[in-house]
Amino acid sequence: MTRVMTTVFLHDDERVLLLHREGSRIIEDSWVGVGGHVEPEEYAQDAALRELTEEVGLRSSDLRDLRLRYTATRDTGSETRVVHYFTARLADGVVAPTSCTEGTLRWFALDADLSGLAMPPTGRIVLDHWQRMGRFDAKTRDVRVTRSGDVSIVPLERCRAIQPGTAPTLEA
């Protein structure tokens, strides 16, 4: 079985907004971006926008620079989880959300050490990479986490072939 989800990390020049989601059928209490499941026949970006509207009341017109930055695939042993990670900024004049239907929102400094926060495995990998490197460019990256925990992060333009259950290979 494959489970497909989206996450949006809203940010400004100094901070990133995270949601403390209190338990669900998929993850334990943890810090995540705003997001959720992609419905059948729904595009990932449409799902991300739907979740932003449902959970924090933001519409596409409230955002700027909504971009797919990472697609992460993780084999849990019982299912494959694919998460499309987007980043976005609030449009000028839009008030940042202060409440969420799914938990508690909190802003964190972009350079903060978030290693002490409970996060889903790919969420931690993606947010850490984006904080250190990804926010300084516009690349979209493929993230693979194997059942044994091996991680690869590769810019999509450098992926030659991606097969389920394998890490992407780099072009020479």
C-alpha atoms as a PDB file:
ATOM      1  CA  MET A   1       0.000   0.000   0.000  1.00  0.00           C
ATOM      2  CA  THR A   2       1.167   3.535  -0.734  1.00  0.00           C
ATOM      3  CA  ARG A   3       0.064   6.534   1.329  1.00  0.00           C
ATOM      4  CA  VAL A   4       0.514   9.953  -0.333  1.00  0.00           C
ATOM      5  CA  MET A   5       0.571  13.173   1.700  1.00  0.00           C
ATOM      6  CA  THR A   6       1.566  16.833   1.470  1.00  0.00           C
ATOM      7  CA  THR A   7       3.237  19.212   3.891  1.00  0.00           C
ATOM      8  CA  VAL A   8       3.720  22.970   3.581  1.00  0.00           C
ATOM      9  CA  PHE A   9       6.410  24.807   5.516  1.00  0.00           C
ATOM     10  CA  LEU A  10       5.279  28.438   5.686  1.00  0.00           C
ATOM     11  CA  HIS A  11       8.176  30.789   6.292  1.00  0.00           C
ATOM     12  CA  ASP A  12       9.373  34.359   6.251  1.00  0.00           C
ATOM     13  CA  ASP A  13      12.912  35.705   6.216  1.00  0.00           C
ATOM     14  CA  GLU A  14      13.546  34.652   9.810  1.00  0.00           C
ATOM     15  CA  ARG A  15      11.069  31.960  10.842  1.00  0.00           C
ATOM     16  CA  VAL A  16       9.268  28.770   9.832  1.00  0.00           C
ATOM     17  CA  LEU A  17       5.769  27.860  11.027  1.00  0.00           C
ATOM     18  CA  LEU A  18       5.282  24.380  12.474  1.00  0.00           C
ATOM     19  CA  LEU A  19       2.190  22.599  13.714  1.00  0.00           C
ATOM     20  CA  HIS A  20       2.212  20.402  16.812  1.00  0.00           C
ATOM     21  CA  ARG A  21      -0.187  17.695  15.695  1.00  0.00           C
ATOM     22  CA  GLU A  22      -1.527  15.636  18.555  1.00  0.00           C
ATOM     23  CA  GLY A  23      -1.628  12.018  17.531  1.00  0.00           C
ATOM     24  CA  SER A  24      -3.282  10.632  14.473  1.00  0.00           C
ATOM     25  CA  ARG A  25      -3.679   7.222  12.940  1.00  0.00           C
ATOM     26  CA  ILE A  26      -0.445   7.813  10.992  1.00  0.00           C
ATOM     27  CA  ILE A  27       1.947   9.522  13.421  1.00  0.00           C
ATOM     28  CA  GLU A  28       2.357  10.080  17.141  1.00  0.00           C
ATOM     29  CA  ASP A  29       2.332  13.586  18.638  1.00  0.00           C
ATOM     30  CA  SER A  30       4.837  15.511  16.541  1.00  0.00           C
ATOM     31  CA  TRP A  31       5.838  18.785  14.911  1.00  0.00           C
ATOM     32  CA  VAL A  32       5.027  19.001  11.204  1.00  0.00           C
ATOM     33  CA  GLY A  33       4.162  21.512   8.521  1.00  0.00           C
ATOM     34  CA  VAL A  34       0.515  22.085   7.636  1.00  0.00           C
ATOM     35  CA  GLY A  35      -0.748  19.312   5.388  1.00  0.00           C
ATOM     36  CA  GLY A  36      -2.452  15.988   5.042  1.00  0.00           C
ATOM     37  CA  HIS A  37      -3.491  13.235   2.672  1.00  0.00           C
ATOM     38  CA  VAL A  38      -3.753  13.583  -1.087  1.00  0.00           C
ATOM     39  CA  GLU A  39      -7.179  12.425  -2.235  1.00  0.00           C
ATOM     40  CA  PRO A  40      -7.502  10.000  -5.180  1.00  0.00           C
ATOM     41  CA  GLU A  41      -7.131  11.844  -8.520  1.00  0.00           C
ATOM     42  CA  GLU A  42      -5.973  15.018  -6.697  1.00  0.00           C
ATOM     43  CA  TYR A  43      -2.745  16.804  -7.609  1.00  0.00           C
ATOM     44  CA  ALA A  44      -0.245  17.271  -4.777  1.00  0.00           C
ATOM     45  CA  GLN A  45      -0.276  21.083  -5.015  1.00  0.00           C
ATOM     46  CA  ASP A  46      -4.088  21.122  -4.984  1.00  0.00           C
ATOM     47  CA  ALA A  47      -4.033  18.907  -1.887  1.00  0.00           C
ATOM     48  CA  ALA A  48      -1.526  21.225  -0.192  1.00  0.00           C
ATOM     49  CA  LEU A  49      -3.743  24.238  -0.888  1.00  0.00           C
ATOM     50  CA  ARG A  50      -6.865  22.378   0.280  1.00  0.00           C
ATOM     51  CA  GLU A  51      -5.152  21.414   3.544  1.00  0.00           C
ATOM     52  CA  LEU A  52      -3.964  25.013   4.120  1.00  0.00           C
ATOM     53  CA  THR A  53      -7.549  26.208   3.685  1.00  0.00           C
ATOM     54  CA  GLU A  54      -9.057  23.485   5.889  1.00  0.00           C
ATOM     55  CA  GLU A  55      -6.498  23.683   8.682  1.00  0.00           C
ATOM     56  CA  VAL A  56      -5.449  27.352   8.912  1.00  0.00           C
ATOM     57  CA  GLY A  57      -7.836  29.258   6.613  1.00  0.00           C
ATOM     58  CA  LEU A  58      -5.272  30.292   3.974  1.00  0.00           C
ATOM     59  CA  ARG A  59      -6.099  30.415   0.258  1.00  0.00           C
ATOM     60  CA  SER A  60      -3.750  30.431  -2.726  1.00  0.00           C
ATOM     61  CA  SER A  61      -4.128  34.224  -2.976  1.00  0.00           C
ATOM     62  CA  ASP A  62      -2.714  34.488   0.579  1.00  0.00           C
ATOM     63  CA  LEU A  63       0.567  32.883  -0.515  1.00  0.00           C
ATOM     64  CA  ARG A  64       3.537  33.652  -2.682  1.00  0.00           C
ATOM     65  CA  ASP A  65       6.291  31.378  -3.901  1.00  0.00           C
ATOM     66  CA  LEU A  66       4.441  28.119  -3.237  1.00  0.00           C
ATOM     67  CA  ARG A  67       6.959  25.567  -4.518  1.00  0.00           C
ATOM     68  CA  LEU A  68       7.441  21.838  -4.405  1.00  0.00           C
ATOM     69  CA  ARG A  69      10.848  21.455  -2.768  1.00  0.00           C
ATOM     70  CA  TYR A  70      11.110  17.789  -1.772  1.00  0.00           C
ATOM     71  CA  THR A  71       9.368  14.537  -2.561  1.00  0.00           C
ATOM     72  CA  ALA A  72      10.195  12.004   0.134  1.00  0.00           C
ATOM     73  CA  THR A  73       9.587   8.271  -0.051  1.00  0.00           C
ATOM     74  CA  ARG A  74       9.918   6.009   2.975  1.00  0.00           C
ATOM     75  CA  ASP A  75       9.386   2.277   3.250  1.00  0.00           C
ATOM     76  CA  THR A  76       7.935   1.580   6.704  1.00  0.00           C
ATOM     77  CA  GLY A  77       7.805  -2.164   6.174  1.00  0.00           C
ATOM     78  CA  SER A  78       4.001  -2.208   6.101  1.00  0.00           C
ATOM     79  CA  GLU A  79       3.491   0.594   3.569  1.00  0.00           C
ATOM     80  CA  THR A  80       5.281   3.112   1.394  1.00  0.00           C
ATOM     81  CA  ARG A  81       4.797   6.743   2.414  1.00  0.00           C
ATOM     82  CA  VAL A  82       5.275   9.493  -0.146  1.00  0.00           C
ATOM     83  CA  VAL A  83       5.229  13.077   1.116  1.00  0.00           C
ATOM     84  CA  HIS A  84       5.374  16.113  -1.172  1.00  0.00           C
ATOM     85  CA  TYR A  85       6.993  18.947   0.793  1.00  0.00           C
ATOM     86  CA  PHE A  86       6.213  22.502  -0.294  1.00  0.00           C
ATOM     87  CA  THR A  87       7.475  25.830   0.981  1.00  0.00           C
ATOM     88  CA  ALA A  88       5.581  29.114   0.750  1.00  0.00           C
ATOM     89  CA  ARG A  89       5.623  32.654   2.033  1.00  0.00           C
ATOM     90  CA  LEU A  90       2.634  34.688   3.102  1.00  0.00           C
ATOM     91  CA  ALA A  91       1.669  37.388   0.617  1.00  0.00           C
ATOM     92  CA  ASP A  92       2.239  40.986   1.680  1.00  0.00           C
ATOM     93  CA  GLY A  93      -0.405  42.140   4.133  1.00  0.00           C
ATOM     94  CA  VAL A  94      -1.652  38.642   4.988  1.00  0.00           C
ATOM     95  CA  VAL A  95      -1.821  38.010   8.717  1.00  0.00           C
ATOM     96  CA  ALA A  96      -0.061  34.826   9.798  1.00  0.00           C
ATOM     97  CA  PRO A  97      -2.392  32.114  11.054  1.00  0.00           C
ATOM     98  CA  THR A  98      -2.530  31.782  14.824  1.00  0.00           C
ATOM     99  CA  SER A  99      -4.786  28.760  15.173  1.00  0.00           C
ATOM    100  CA  CYS A 100      -5.225  25.420  13.477  1.00  0.00           C
ATOM    101  CA  THR A 101      -7.957  22.801  13.486  1.00  0.00           C
ATOM    102  CA  GLU A 102      -5.327  20.050  13.836  1.00  0.00           C
ATOM    103  CA  GLY A 103      -3.205  21.293  16.754  1.00  0.00           C
ATOM    104  CA  THR A 104      -1.024  24.178  17.959  1.00  0.00           C
ATOM    105  CA  LEU A 105       0.942  26.501  15.655  1.00  0.00           C
ATOM    106  CA  ARG A 106       4.321  27.955  16.581  1.00  0.00           C
ATOM    107  CA  TRP A 107       6.986  29.954  14.741  1.00  0.00           C
ATOM    108  CA  PHE A 108      10.615  28.810  15.042  1.00  0.00           C
ATOM    109  CA  ALA A 109      13.739  30.718  14.009  1.00  0.00           C
ATOM    110  CA  LEU A 110      15.099  29.471  10.673  1.00  0.00           C
ATOM    111  CA  ASP A 111      18.486  28.849  12.257  1.00  0.00           C
ATOM    112  CA  ALA A 112      17.074  27.121  15.365  1.00  0.00           C
ATOM    113  CA  ASP A 113      18.250  23.655  16.327  1.00  0.00           C
ATOM    114  CA  LEU A 114      15.028  21.662  16.024  1.00  0.00           C
ATOM    115  CA  SER A 115      16.638  18.277  16.702  1.00  0.00           C
ATOM    116  CA  GLY A 116      14.892  18.052  20.088  1.00  0.00           C
ATOM    117  CA  LEU A 117      11.418  18.250  18.556  1.00  0.00           C
ATOM    118  CA  ALA A 118       9.456  15.070  17.916  1.00  0.00           C
ATOM    119  CA  MET A 119       9.013  14.869  14.135  1.00  0.00           C
ATOM    120  CA  PRO A 120       8.193  12.185  11.557  1.00  0.00           C
ATOM    121  CA  PRO A 121      11.374  10.741  10.000  1.00  0.00           C
ATOM    122  CA  THR A 122      11.149  12.357   6.559  1.00  0.00           C
ATOM    123  CA  GLY A 123       9.877  15.618   8.054  1.00  0.00           C
ATOM    124  CA  ARG A 124      13.001  15.885  10.188  1.00  0.00           C
ATOM    125  CA  ILE A 125      15.293  15.037   7.252  1.00  0.00           C
ATOM    126  CA  VAL A 126      13.607  17.511   4.909  1.00  0.00           C
ATOM    127  CA  LEU A 127      13.322  20.389   7.374  1.00  0.00           C
ATOM    128  CA  ASP A 128      16.930  19.971   8.506  1.00  0.00           C
ATOM    129  CA  HIS A 129      18.187  19.918   4.904  1.00  0.00           C
ATOM    130  CA  TRP A 130      16.005  22.880   3.920  1.00  0.00           C
ATOM    131  CA  GLN A 131      17.206  24.927   6.922  1.00  0.00           C
ATOM    132  CA  ARG A 132      20.881  24.212   6.173  1.00  0.00           C
ATOM    133  CA  MET A 133      20.925  24.237   2.368  1.00  0.00           C
ATOM    134  CA  GLY A 134      17.613  24.011   0.528  1.00  0.00           C
ATOM    135  CA  ARG A 135      16.292  27.456   1.360  1.00  0.00           C
ATOM    136  CA  PHE A 136      19.220  29.047  -0.444  1.00  0.00           C
ATOM    137  CA  ASP A 137      18.286  27.645  -3.866  1.00  0.00           C
ATOM    138  CA  ALA A 138      15.169  26.747  -5.859  1.00  0.00           C
ATOM    139  CA  LYS A 139      15.922  23.066  -6.493  1.00  0.00           C
ATOM    140  CA  THR A 140      13.427  20.280  -6.024  1.00  0.00           C
ATOM    141  CA  ARG A 141      14.939  17.209  -4.388  1.00  0.00           C
ATOM    142  CA  ASP A 142      14.117  13.532  -4.133  1.00  0.00           C
ATOM    143  CA  VAL A 143      14.512  12.040  -0.648  1.00  0.00           C
ATOM    144  CA  ARG A 144      14.601   8.275  -0.143  1.00  0.00           C
ATOM    145  CA  VAL A 145      14.582   6.505   3.216  1.00  0.00           C
ATOM    146  CA  THR A 146      14.965   2.739   3.123  1.00  0.00           C
ATOM    147  CA  ARG A 147      13.525   0.326   5.652  1.00  0.00           C
ATOM    148  CA  SER A 148      17.003   0.092   7.209  1.00  0.00           C
ATOM    149  CA  GLY A 149      17.137   3.895   7.589  1.00  0.00           C
ATOM    150  CA  ASP A 150      19.575   4.740   4.784  1.00  0.00           C
ATOM    151  CA  VAL A 151      18.907   8.246   3.431  1.00  0.00           C
ATOM    152  CA  SER A 152      19.650   9.796   0.055  1.00  0.00           C
ATOM    153  CA  ILE A 153      18.850  13.366  -1.006  1.00  0.00           C
ATOM    154  CA  VAL A 154      19.296  14.110  -4.697  1.00  0.00           C
ATOM    155  CA  PRO A 155      18.260  17.121  -6.831  1.00  0.00           C
ATOM    156  CA  LEU A 156      15.610  15.835  -9.247  1.00  0.00           C
ATOM    157  CA  GLU A 157      17.488  17.066 -12.297  1.00  0.00           C
ATOM    158  CA  ARG A 158      20.333  14.708 -11.328  1.00  0.00           C
ATOM    159  CA  CYS A 159      18.162  11.602 -10.906  1.00  0.00           C
ATOM    160  CA  ARG A 160      18.618   9.132 -13.740  1.00  0.00           C
ATOM    161  CA  ALA A 161      16.247   6.420 -12.578  1.00  0.00           C
ATOM    162  CA  ILE A 162      14.088   5.915  -9.538  1.00  0.00           C
ATOM    163  CA  GLN A 163      12.678   2.476  -8.853  1.00  0.00           C
ATOM    164  CA  PRO A 164      10.473   1.642  -5.865  1.00  0.00           C
ATOM    165  CA  GLY A 165      12.567   0.426  -2.963  1.00  0.00           C
ATOM    166  CA  THR A 166      15.845   1.759  -4.350  1.00  0.00           C
ATOM    167  CA  ALA A 167      17.806   4.963  -4.000  1.00  0.00           C
ATOM    168  CA  PRO A 168      18.035   7.207  -7.069  1.00  0.00           C
ATOM    169  CA  THR A 169      21.264   7.098  -9.006  1.00  0.00           C
ATOM    170  CA  LEU A 170      23.261  10.197  -9.855  1.00  0.00           C
ATOM    171  CA  GLU A 171      24.089  11.111 -13.396  1.00  0.00           C
ATOM    172  CA  ALA A 172      27.803  11.503 -14.046  1.00  0.00           C
END
